[in-house]
Amino acid sequence: MNTPRQPSLSARLGEAAMRAAIMLLRLTAHLPTPWLARLGSALGSVLYLLAAPRRRIARINLQLCFPQLSDAERRRLAHAHFQAFTRSFLDRFILWYGPRERIVSLCRLEDTEHFEQVVRAGRPVIVLAPHFVGIDAGGIRLLLDHPELASMYARQKSAALNDAMTRGRIRFQGTMLLRNEGLRPAVRWLRDGGAFYFLPD
């Protein structure tokens, strides 16, 4: 009989560090929004300087998509994206741990009449959500009004991060479907008249 393989010391230390980081980052959910934005922008600038491989990928993508821009303009865009990405990462801790009232005040829903009409009729509906930095904000804000919403997620390598992410995303009910199980669970959900927050990628 095979015994379960024990994680290595480095893996255990990595998980402990991730849990400590999550506990620390939970505190940012209580910071005023302008402070959080400034902190996110500052950390994004540091990340832009340190994450050379990611910076290179971003600049190549921008060069392919926007050949008409100058190198300086593409650098500014890449830098701004790193700042927006890091701000959105900190914002997730408001979404996962902050009070409901704060989420409602920060995330505004517009032009949802058709969605509301379909949901009230008990018909299946797919919300196509581009995989941008604000993806969690849109899904969780919609979930506050529609606990019947489901979405799909990819399991994270870190068990601590995976646990924080899944618990945070469904703390107002909702359902998370595992991406590596394919689309069948989502199809079943829709056949039962559910709403599905779908990332096309």
Protein backbone atom coordinates (compact mmCIF):
# COMPACT_ATOMS: atom_id res chain seq x y z
CA MET A 1 0.00 0.00 0.00
CA ASN A 2 1.41 3.37 -1.01
CA THR A 3 1.60 5.99 1.71
CA PRO A 4 0.64 9.56 0.77
CA ARG A 5 3.64 11.60 -0.25
CA GLN A 6 4.51 14.22 2.31
CA PRO A 7 5.12 17.75 1.04
CA SER A 8 8.72 18.87 1.13
CA LEU A 9 10.03 21.29 3.73
CA SER A 10 10.23 24.08 1.14
CA ALA A 11 6.60 23.43 0.12
CA ARG A 12 5.45 23.56 3.76
CA LEU A 13 7.39 26.78 4.34
CA GLY A 14 5.90 28.24 1.18
CA GLU A 15 2.37 27.43 2.37
CA ALA A 16 3.11 28.92 5.80
CA ALA A 17 4.42 32.09 4.16
CA MET A 18 1.32 32.31 1.94
CA ARG A 19 -1.00 31.93 4.94
CA ALA A 20 0.91 34.66 6.78
CA ALA A 21 0.74 36.93 3.73
CA ILE A 22 -3.03 36.39 3.40
CA MET A 23 -3.53 37.20 7.09
CA LEU A 24 -1.51 40.40 6.64
CA LEU A 25 -3.31 41.36 3.43
CA ARG A 26 -6.68 40.89 5.12
CA LEU A 27 -5.83 43.98 7.15
CA THR A 28 -5.72 46.05 3.95
CA ALA A 29 -9.48 45.50 3.60
CA HIS A 30 -9.90 48.05 6.41
CA LEU A 31 -7.76 50.77 4.80
CA PRO A 32 -9.47 53.81 3.25
CA THR A 33 -9.87 53.36 -0.50
CA PRO A 34 -7.49 56.21 -1.50
CA TRP A 35 -4.74 54.75 0.72
CA LEU A 36 -5.27 51.33 -0.79
CA ALA A 37 -5.07 52.77 -4.31
CA ARG A 38 -1.79 54.56 -3.53
CA LEU A 39 -0.34 51.44 -1.91
CA GLY A 40 -1.36 49.32 -4.90
CA SER A 41 0.17 51.78 -7.37
CA ALA A 42 3.43 51.90 -5.41
CA LEU A 43 3.65 48.11 -5.20
CA GLY A 44 2.81 47.90 -8.91
CA SER A 45 5.74 50.17 -9.74
CA VAL A 46 8.04 47.95 -7.68
CA LEU A 47 6.66 44.86 -9.40
CA TYR A 48 7.23 46.47 -12.80
CA LEU A 49 10.91 46.95 -11.94
CA LEU A 50 11.46 43.51 -10.40
CA ALA A 51 9.39 41.20 -12.62
CA ALA A 52 11.56 41.44 -15.72
CA PRO A 53 10.10 38.38 -17.55
CA ARG A 54 6.52 39.60 -17.04
CA ARG A 55 7.51 43.11 -18.05
CA ARG A 56 9.08 41.78 -21.25
CA ILE A 57 5.94 39.75 -22.11
CA ALA A 58 3.74 42.81 -21.54
CA ARG A 59 5.91 44.98 -23.76
CA ILE A 60 6.02 42.38 -26.57
CA ASN A 61 2.23 42.04 -26.46
CA LEU A 62 1.80 45.80 -26.57
CA GLN A 63 4.22 46.05 -29.49
CA LEU A 64 2.22 43.44 -31.42
CA CYS A 65 -1.15 45.01 -30.61
CA PHE A 66 -0.20 48.69 -30.84
CA PRO A 67 2.61 49.04 -33.40
CA GLN A 68 1.59 52.65 -34.00
CA LEU A 69 2.64 53.67 -30.48
CA SER A 70 6.13 54.76 -29.57
CA ASP A 71 8.33 52.69 -27.23
CA ALA A 72 7.83 55.31 -24.52
CA GLU A 73 4.04 55.12 -24.85
CA ARG A 74 4.09 51.33 -24.65
CA ARG A 75 6.32 51.48 -21.57
CA ARG A 76 3.84 53.84 -19.92
CA LEU A 77 0.96 51.49 -20.76
CA ALA A 78 2.83 48.47 -19.37
CA HIS A 79 3.71 50.37 -16.20
CA ALA A 80 0.10 51.50 -15.77
CA HIS A 81 -1.10 47.92 -16.20
CA PHE A 82 1.24 46.65 -13.47
CA GLN A 83 -0.14 49.34 -11.17
CA ALA A 84 -3.77 48.48 -12.03
CA PHE A 85 -3.10 44.76 -11.58
CA THR A 86 -1.58 45.26 -8.13
CA ARG A 87 -4.37 47.61 -7.06
CA SER A 88 -6.93 45.02 -8.16
CA PHE A 89 -5.09 42.33 -6.19
CA LEU A 90 -5.38 44.41 -3.01
CA ASP A 91 -9.01 45.21 -3.85
CA ARG A 92 -9.76 41.48 -3.77
CA PHE A 93 -9.28 41.52 -0.02
CA ILE A 94 -12.10 44.07 0.27
CA LEU A 95 -14.23 41.76 -1.88
CA TRP A 96 -13.27 38.66 0.10
CA TYR A 97 -13.30 40.11 3.63
CA GLY A 98 -14.79 43.62 3.59
CA PRO A 99 -18.35 44.51 4.61
CA ARG A 100 -21.15 44.14 2.09
CA GLU A 101 -21.97 47.87 2.26
CA ARG A 102 -18.47 48.83 1.18
CA ILE A 103 -18.58 46.50 -1.82
CA VAL A 104 -21.92 47.99 -2.90
CA SER A 105 -20.53 51.52 -2.57
CA LEU A 106 -17.40 50.70 -4.61
CA CYS A 107 -18.93 48.57 -7.41
CA ARG A 108 -21.74 50.08 -9.45
CA LEU A 109 -23.94 47.95 -11.72
CA GLU A 110 -25.37 49.65 -14.80
CA ASP A 111 -27.84 48.62 -17.52
CA THR A 112 -28.75 45.28 -15.95
CA GLU A 113 -32.43 45.43 -16.95
CA HIS A 114 -32.25 42.62 -19.53
CA PHE A 115 -30.28 40.41 -17.16
CA GLU A 116 -32.78 40.99 -14.36
CA GLN A 117 -35.69 40.22 -16.67
CA VAL A 118 -34.22 36.89 -17.79
CA VAL A 119 -33.33 35.87 -14.22
CA ARG A 120 -36.83 36.70 -12.96
CA ALA A 121 -38.27 34.55 -15.74
CA GLY A 122 -36.19 31.60 -14.51
CA ARG A 123 -34.40 31.29 -17.82
CA PRO A 124 -30.71 30.37 -18.12
CA VAL A 125 -28.36 33.25 -18.75
CA ILE A 126 -24.63 33.57 -19.43
CA VAL A 127 -22.78 36.70 -18.36
CA LEU A 128 -19.65 37.00 -20.53
CA ALA A 129 -16.96 38.56 -18.36
CA PRO A 130 -13.69 39.66 -19.99
CA HIS A 131 -10.68 38.47 -18.00
CA PHE A 132 -9.60 41.96 -16.95
CA VAL A 133 -8.24 43.12 -13.60
CA GLY A 134 -11.71 43.87 -12.19
CA ILE A 135 -13.14 40.42 -12.84
CA ASP A 136 -13.68 39.55 -9.16
CA ALA A 137 -15.35 42.88 -8.49
CA GLY A 138 -17.95 42.33 -11.20
CA GLY A 139 -18.72 38.77 -10.19
CA ILE A 140 -18.98 39.36 -6.45
CA ARG A 141 -21.03 42.55 -6.86
CA LEU A 142 -23.48 40.71 -9.11
CA LEU A 143 -23.59 37.85 -6.62
CA LEU A 144 -24.79 40.19 -3.87
CA ASP A 145 -28.07 40.60 -5.76
CA HIS A 146 -28.14 37.14 -7.36
CA PRO A 147 -26.99 34.30 -5.08
CA GLU A 148 -28.04 31.84 -7.80
CA LEU A 149 -24.99 32.90 -9.85
CA ALA A 150 -22.27 30.34 -10.61
CA SER A 151 -18.81 30.77 -12.06
CA MET A 152 -15.73 28.73 -12.87
CA TYR A 153 -12.28 28.82 -11.31
CA ALA A 154 -8.89 27.22 -11.77
CA ARG A 155 -7.38 25.47 -8.75
CA GLN A 156 -4.36 27.41 -7.45
CA LYS A 157 -1.03 25.74 -6.71
CA SER A 158 -1.10 27.13 -3.18
CA ALA A 159 -3.74 25.46 -1.01
CA ALA A 160 -3.86 28.56 1.21
CA LEU A 161 -4.52 30.89 -1.72
CA ASN A 162 -7.01 28.47 -3.26
CA ASP A 163 -8.93 28.31 0.02
CA ALA A 164 -8.95 32.10 0.48
CA MET A 165 -10.04 32.66 -3.11
CA THR A 166 -12.89 30.14 -3.17
CA ARG A 167 -14.21 31.09 0.28
CA GLY A 168 -14.01 34.78 -0.59
CA ARG A 169 -15.85 34.37 -3.87
CA ILE A 170 -18.78 32.43 -2.40
CA ARG A 171 -19.14 34.08 1.00
CA PHE A 172 -22.38 35.63 -0.26
CA GLN A 173 -23.56 32.22 -1.51
CA GLY A 174 -23.12 31.43 -5.20
CA THR A 175 -21.45 28.35 -6.64
CA MET A 176 -17.92 27.79 -7.93
CA LEU A 177 -17.30 25.11 -10.58
CA LEU A 178 -13.83 23.68 -11.09
CA ARG A 179 -12.45 24.47 -14.54
CA ASN A 180 -10.61 21.17 -15.03
CA GLU A 181 -13.95 19.34 -14.76
CA GLY A 182 -14.87 20.82 -18.13
CA LEU A 183 -18.07 22.57 -19.19
CA ARG A 184 -20.52 19.81 -18.31
CA PRO A 185 -21.22 21.12 -14.77
CA ALA A 186 -21.85 24.58 -16.25
CA VAL A 187 -24.20 23.15 -18.88
CA ARG A 188 -26.14 21.30 -16.17
CA TRP A 189 -26.32 24.52 -14.15
CA LEU A 190 -27.74 26.40 -17.13
CA ARG A 191 -30.23 23.64 -17.95
CA ASP A 192 -31.57 24.04 -14.42
CA GLY A 193 -32.22 27.71 -15.18
CA GLY A 194 -29.17 29.15 -13.42
CA ALA A 195 -27.05 32.19 -14.25
CA PHE A 196 -23.41 31.63 -15.18
CA TYR A 197 -20.61 34.21 -14.95
CA PHE A 198 -18.35 32.99 -17.72
CA LEU A 199 -14.76 33.88 -18.61
CA PRO A 200 -14.40 33.13 -22.34
CA ASP A 201 -10.71 32.22 -21.99
